[in-house]
N, C-alpha and C. Protein backbone atom coordinates (compact mmCIF):
# COMPACT_ATOMS: atom_id res chain seq x y z
N MET A 1 51.17 122.66 110.98
CA MET A 1 51.08 123.02 112.00
C MET A 1 49.58 123.00 112.75
N SER A 2 49.62 122.06 113.76
CA SER A 2 47.94 122.26 114.58
C SER A 2 47.72 123.24 115.29
N ILE A 3 46.85 123.61 115.51
CA ILE A 3 45.99 124.57 116.26
C ILE A 3 46.80 124.97 117.75
N ASN A 4 46.77 123.67 118.39
CA ASN A 4 47.82 123.64 119.94
C ASN A 4 49.02 123.80 119.62
N GLU A 5 49.88 123.75 118.39
CA GLU A 5 50.95 124.08 118.09
C GLU A 5 51.25 125.33 117.66
N ASP A 6 50.25 125.45 116.98
CA ASP A 6 50.55 127.56 116.77
C ASP A 6 49.90 128.31 118.18
N VAL A 7 49.03 127.87 118.71
CA VAL A 7 48.89 128.53 120.14
C VAL A 7 50.09 128.22 121.10
N MET A 8 50.87 127.14 120.94
CA MET A 8 51.76 127.03 122.05
C MET A 8 52.84 127.95 121.68
N LYS A 9 53.08 128.19 120.21
CA LYS A 9 54.42 128.74 119.60
C LYS A 9 54.02 130.32 120.18
N MET A 10 52.66 130.72 120.25
CA MET A 10 52.33 132.01 120.58
C MET A 10 52.60 132.19 121.98
N LEU A 11 51.95 131.15 122.85
CA LEU A 11 52.52 131.25 124.27
C LEU A 11 53.90 131.40 124.40
N LYS A 12 54.69 130.65 123.93
CA LYS A 12 56.20 130.54 124.27
C LYS A 12 56.47 132.09 124.02
N GLU A 13 56.38 132.82 122.72
CA GLU A 13 56.77 134.31 122.41
C GLU A 13 56.37 134.74 123.64
N LYS A 14 54.96 134.94 124.07
CA LYS A 14 54.60 135.98 125.21
C LYS A 14 55.04 135.47 126.33
N ILE A 15 55.77 134.32 126.67
CA ILE A 15 56.52 134.02 128.14
C ILE A 15 57.73 134.43 128.01
N GLY A 16 58.28 134.53 126.73
CA GLY A 16 59.91 135.03 126.49
C GLY A 16 60.57 133.77 127.17
N ASP A 17 61.67 134.95 127.95
CA ASP A 17 62.48 134.31 129.26
C ASP A 17 61.91 134.03 130.40
N MET A 18 60.86 134.06 130.61
CA MET A 18 60.16 134.25 132.02
C MET A 18 60.58 132.87 132.65
N ASP A 19 60.92 132.89 133.93
CA ASP A 19 61.11 131.79 134.97
C ASP A 19 60.25 131.20 135.16
N ILE A 20 60.11 129.98 134.98
CA ILE A 20 58.34 129.17 135.62
C ILE A 20 58.64 128.93 136.87
N THR A 21 57.96 129.66 137.70
CA THR A 21 58.34 129.21 138.94
C THR A 21 56.14 129.28 139.67
N ALA A 22 56.37 128.74 141.16
CA ALA A 22 54.89 129.07 141.60
C ALA A 22 54.47 130.38 141.89
N ASP A 23 55.40 131.16 141.59
CA ASP A 23 55.18 132.59 142.09
C ASP A 23 54.75 133.44 140.31
N THR A 24 55.04 132.69 139.10
CA THR A 24 54.62 132.95 137.82
C THR A 24 53.71 132.23 137.24
N VAL A 25 53.42 131.13 137.50
CA VAL A 25 52.43 130.32 137.09
C VAL A 25 51.12 130.69 136.86
N ILE A 26 50.81 131.69 137.53
CA ILE A 26 49.53 132.47 137.47
C ILE A 26 49.78 133.31 136.23
N SER A 27 51.02 133.81 136.01
CA SER A 27 51.21 135.02 135.05
C SER A 27 50.80 134.01 133.44
N VAL A 28 51.59 132.88 133.63
CA VAL A 28 51.50 131.47 132.43
C VAL A 28 50.18 131.47 132.19
N LEU A 29 49.18 131.35 133.45
CA LEU A 29 47.92 130.99 133.16
C LEU A 29 47.14 131.93 132.28
N LYS A 30 47.32 133.12 132.83
CA LYS A 30 46.94 134.13 132.19
C LYS A 30 47.39 134.46 130.86
N LEU A 31 48.57 134.31 130.36
CA LEU A 31 49.04 134.52 129.03
C LEU A 31 48.51 132.99 128.45
N SER A 32 48.13 132.07 128.79
CA SER A 32 47.68 130.87 128.01
C SER A 32 46.03 131.52 127.86
N MET A 33 45.50 131.62 128.74
CA MET A 33 43.96 131.99 128.53
C MET A 33 44.13 132.96 127.43
N GLU A 34 44.74 134.17 127.28
CA GLU A 34 44.90 134.90 126.41
C GLU A 34 45.07 133.98 124.82
N CYS A 35 46.08 133.40 124.95
CA CYS A 35 46.24 132.56 123.41
C CYS A 35 44.92 131.34 123.09
N ALA A 36 44.63 130.82 124.33
CA ALA A 36 43.55 129.91 123.57
C ALA A 36 42.19 130.84 123.30
N GLU A 37 42.37 132.13 123.94
CA GLU A 37 41.05 133.14 123.46
C GLU A 37 41.11 133.19 121.77
N SER A 38 42.39 133.03 121.04
CA SER A 38 42.49 133.10 119.96
C SER A 38 42.08 132.24 119.19
N THR A 39 41.26 130.99 119.38
CA THR A 39 41.02 129.68 118.80
C THR A 39 39.73 130.26 118.67
N ASP A 40 39.02 129.15 117.75
CA ASP A 40 37.42 129.05 118.07
C ASP A 40 36.97 128.31 118.77
N LEU A 41 37.63 127.78 119.69
CA LEU A 41 37.34 126.63 120.70
C LEU A 41 36.39 127.47 121.79
N LYS A 42 35.12 126.90 122.34
CA LYS A 42 34.46 127.54 123.49
C LYS A 42 34.52 126.77 124.75
N GLY A 43 34.08 127.46 125.92
CA GLY A 43 34.06 126.97 126.95
C GLY A 43 34.83 126.07 127.59
N THR A 44 34.43 125.01 128.08
CA THR A 44 35.05 123.99 128.50
C THR A 44 36.40 123.45 127.67
N GLU A 45 36.18 123.24 126.38
CA GLU A 45 37.40 123.20 125.68
C GLU A 45 38.86 124.36 125.76
N LYS A 46 38.17 125.25 125.59
CA LYS A 46 39.07 127.02 125.83
C LYS A 46 39.77 126.44 127.02
N LYS A 47 38.94 126.36 128.10
CA LYS A 47 39.73 125.82 129.58
C LYS A 47 40.92 124.95 129.54
N ASP A 48 40.24 123.88 128.71
CA ASP A 48 40.88 122.40 128.65
C ASP A 48 42.62 122.82 128.15
N LEU A 49 42.29 123.69 126.98
CA LEU A 49 43.48 123.99 125.96
C LEU A 49 44.39 124.87 127.04
N ALA A 50 43.75 125.72 127.99
CA ALA A 50 44.68 126.76 128.60
C ALA A 50 45.79 126.11 129.43
N ILE A 51 44.56 125.07 130.37
CA ILE A 51 45.56 124.23 131.40
C ILE A 51 46.56 123.51 130.39
N LYS A 52 46.21 122.70 129.40
CA LYS A 52 46.87 121.86 128.93
C LYS A 52 48.36 122.69 128.27
N LEU A 53 48.32 124.26 127.90
CA LEU A 53 49.42 124.90 127.44
C LEU A 53 49.88 125.02 128.68
N VAL A 54 49.93 125.13 129.98
CA VAL A 54 50.32 125.86 131.13
C VAL A 54 51.13 124.31 131.27
N ARG A 55 50.74 123.22 131.15
CA ARG A 55 51.40 121.90 131.76
C ARG A 55 52.53 121.64 130.73
N GLN A 56 52.17 122.03 129.35
CA GLN A 56 53.54 121.63 128.58
C GLN A 56 54.32 123.06 129.06
N VAL A 57 54.31 124.11 129.16
CA VAL A 57 54.84 124.89 129.60
C VAL A 57 55.88 124.70 130.62
N ILE A 58 55.26 123.91 131.94
CA ILE A 58 55.97 123.34 133.18
C ILE A 58 56.82 122.26 133.03
N VAL A 59 56.10 121.34 131.78
CA VAL A 59 57.05 120.19 131.74
C VAL A 59 58.44 120.42 130.68
N ASP A 60 58.29 121.41 129.63
CA ASP A 60 59.50 122.05 129.39
C ASP A 60 60.70 122.65 129.79
N ALA A 61 59.94 123.64 131.01
CA ALA A 61 60.77 124.54 131.43
C ALA A 61 62.08 123.56 132.13
N PRO A 62 63.32 124.60 132.19
CA PRO A 62 64.32 123.98 132.83
C PRO A 62 64.29 124.41 134.49
N ILE A 63 63.38 123.00 135.28
CA ILE A 63 63.12 123.61 136.77
C ILE A 63 63.69 121.92 137.36
N SER A 64 64.08 122.19 138.46
CA SER A 64 64.06 121.03 139.36
C SER A 64 62.64 120.34 139.13
N ASP A 65 62.86 118.76 139.53
CA ASP A 65 61.72 117.65 139.36
C ASP A 65 60.59 118.27 140.48
N GLU A 66 61.44 118.67 141.91
CA GLU A 66 60.73 118.83 142.92
C GLU A 66 59.68 120.21 142.58
N LYS A 67 60.09 121.34 142.02
CA LYS A 67 59.45 122.38 141.42
C LYS A 67 58.41 122.06 140.37
N GLU A 68 58.89 121.27 139.40
CA GLU A 68 57.96 120.71 138.21
C GLU A 68 56.53 119.96 139.01
N LYS A 69 57.03 119.25 139.89
CA LYS A 69 55.85 118.27 140.76
C LYS A 69 55.33 119.10 141.34
N LEU A 70 55.28 120.32 142.14
CA LEU A 70 54.51 121.38 142.72
C LEU A 70 53.79 122.06 141.61
N LEU A 71 53.98 122.63 140.84
CA LEU A 71 53.38 123.09 139.75
C LEU A 71 52.31 122.12 139.21
N LEU A 72 52.81 121.13 138.68
CA LEU A 72 51.80 120.00 137.84
C LEU A 72 50.86 119.55 138.98
N ASP A 73 50.90 119.37 140.30
CA ASP A 73 50.19 119.28 141.41
C ASP A 73 49.06 120.34 141.44
N MET A 74 49.46 121.48 141.43
CA MET A 74 48.66 122.58 141.13
C MET A 74 47.34 122.48 140.11
N ILE A 75 48.04 121.79 139.25
CA ILE A 75 47.13 121.38 137.80
C ILE A 75 46.12 120.45 138.43
N ASP A 76 47.07 119.30 138.87
CA ASP A 76 45.81 117.88 138.79
C ASP A 76 45.24 118.04 140.28
N GLN A 77 45.31 119.06 140.87
CA GLN A 77 44.27 119.40 142.17
C GLN A 77 43.47 120.55 142.02
N ASN A 78 43.55 121.23 140.61
CA ASN A 78 42.33 121.57 139.85
C ASN A 78 42.27 123.20 140.72
N VAL A 79 43.50 123.73 140.86
CA VAL A 79 43.99 124.85 141.55
C VAL A 79 43.70 125.90 140.06
N LEU A 80 44.36 125.74 139.19
CA LEU A 80 44.21 126.65 137.89
C LEU A 80 42.77 126.35 137.33
N HIS A 81 42.43 125.28 137.34
CA HIS A 81 40.87 125.08 136.65
C HIS A 81 40.04 126.16 137.36
N ASN A 82 40.17 126.14 138.95
CA ASN A 82 39.36 126.79 139.73
C ASN A 82 39.68 128.58 139.50
N MET A 83 40.70 128.64 139.30
CA MET A 83 41.19 130.15 138.96
C MET A 83 40.60 130.67 137.61
N ILE A 84 40.89 129.67 136.52
CA ILE A 84 40.20 130.32 135.32
C ILE A 84 38.55 130.39 135.53
N ASP A 85 37.69 129.32 136.17
CA ASP A 85 36.61 129.89 136.78
C ASP A 85 36.36 130.99 137.14
N LEU A 86 36.85 131.37 138.30
CA LEU A 86 37.09 132.72 138.91
C LEU A 86 36.97 133.42 137.96
N VAL A 87 38.08 133.77 137.09
CA VAL A 87 38.15 134.83 136.13
C VAL A 87 37.23 134.64 135.31
N VAL A 88 36.46 133.69 134.85
CA VAL A 88 35.35 133.69 133.95
C VAL A 88 34.12 134.23 134.58
N ASP A 89 33.94 133.85 135.62
CA ASP A 89 32.60 134.42 136.61
C ASP A 89 32.90 135.98 136.93
N ALA A 90 34.34 136.59 137.00
CA ALA A 90 34.45 137.75 137.49
C ALA A 90 33.99 138.62 136.05
N THR A 91 34.37 137.92 134.95
CA THR A 91 34.10 139.12 133.65
C THR A 91 32.64 138.68 133.38
N HIS A 92 31.94 137.92 133.68
CA HIS A 92 30.49 137.76 133.41
C HIS A 92 29.73 138.46 134.73
N GLY A 93 30.17 139.23 135.45
CA GLY A 93 29.62 139.63 136.63
C GLY A 93 29.13 138.78 137.79
N ARG A 94 29.60 137.49 137.61
CA ARG A 94 29.11 136.14 138.48
C ARG A 94 29.75 135.83 139.68
N LEU A 95 30.89 137.36 140.22
CA LEU A 95 31.64 137.24 141.22
C LEU A 95 31.06 137.26 142.68
N ASP A 96 31.28 135.91 143.16
CA ASP A 96 30.54 136.03 144.47
C ASP A 96 31.78 136.03 145.64
N VAL A 97 31.72 136.85 146.51
CA VAL A 97 33.04 137.27 147.53
C VAL A 97 33.16 135.71 148.27
N ASP A 98 32.46 134.97 148.39
CA ASP A 98 32.61 133.83 149.26
C ASP A 98 33.17 132.52 148.33
N THR A 99 32.96 132.87 147.12
CA THR A 99 33.52 131.80 146.00
C THR A 99 35.15 132.08 146.02
N VAL A 100 35.20 133.57 145.73
CA VAL A 100 36.70 134.06 145.89
C VAL A 100 37.46 133.52 147.31
N ALA A 101 37.05 133.49 148.70
CA ALA A 101 37.48 133.54 149.10
C ALA A 101 37.66 131.85 149.50
N GLN A 102 36.85 130.82 149.29
CA GLN A 102 37.07 129.36 149.13
C GLN A 102 38.21 129.03 148.13
N VAL A 103 37.85 129.51 146.98
CA VAL A 103 39.36 129.39 145.87
C VAL A 103 40.52 129.69 146.52
N ALA A 104 40.60 131.07 147.03
CA ALA A 104 41.89 131.43 147.40
C ALA A 104 42.79 130.61 148.78
N SER A 105 41.41 130.19 149.75
CA SER A 105 41.82 129.26 150.49
C SER A 105 42.24 127.86 150.15
N GLY A 106 41.92 127.27 149.00
CA GLY A 106 42.19 126.52 148.49
C GLY A 106 43.53 126.17 147.68
N CYS A 107 43.95 127.37 147.20
CA CYS A 107 45.26 127.77 146.48
C CYS A 107 46.34 127.84 147.79
N CYS A 108 45.82 128.62 148.84
CA CYS A 108 46.99 128.82 149.59
C CYS A 108 47.32 127.15 150.48
N ALA A 109 46.18 126.69 150.47
CA ALA A 109 46.42 124.95 151.13
C ALA A 109 47.21 124.04 150.62
N LEU A 110 46.83 124.53 149.75
CA LEU A 110 47.69 123.44 148.60
C LEU A 110 48.96 123.71 148.36
N LEU A 111 49.75 125.31 148.51
CA LEU A 111 50.63 125.58 148.20
C LEU A 111 51.42 125.36 149.60
N ALA A 112 50.56 125.81 150.49
CA ALA A 112 51.36 125.43 152.01
C ALA A 112 51.65 123.87 152.10
N LYS A 113 50.75 123.15 151.78
CA LYS A 113 50.76 121.59 151.97
C LYS A 113 52.13 121.30 151.09
N ALA A 114 52.42 121.67 149.83
CA ALA A 114 53.24 121.08 149.06
C ALA A 114 54.92 121.54 149.19
N ARG A 115 54.90 123.14 149.92
CA ARG A 115 56.20 123.28 150.38
C ARG A 115 56.42 122.66 151.78
N LYS A 116 55.81 121.86 152.36
CA LYS A 116 56.35 121.27 153.81
C LYS A 116 57.37 120.03 153.19
């Protein structure tokens, strides 16, 4: 088994029977970040692995094509990348409230646009 397969197995165990929706994708991201932390990867590689794991969970989930597209759009529009950056900045004491507002605005705008 490759590192990605081992980490994906770990993530799927953590997710259990959670429904994959726009409401739970951030929880999936959190769990994928925790799983990526268990690897020897650093920085961007770790972030890329976490996003890759979330993408695979979405693709594998028994959800409608419309919901899958919405969730994949969140990844493709860098919403989840920006969320990871925000979490990393917060854990390193580099949190700027203006940045939080920008990220939140971007997330909300994308979701509102996607739901129309």
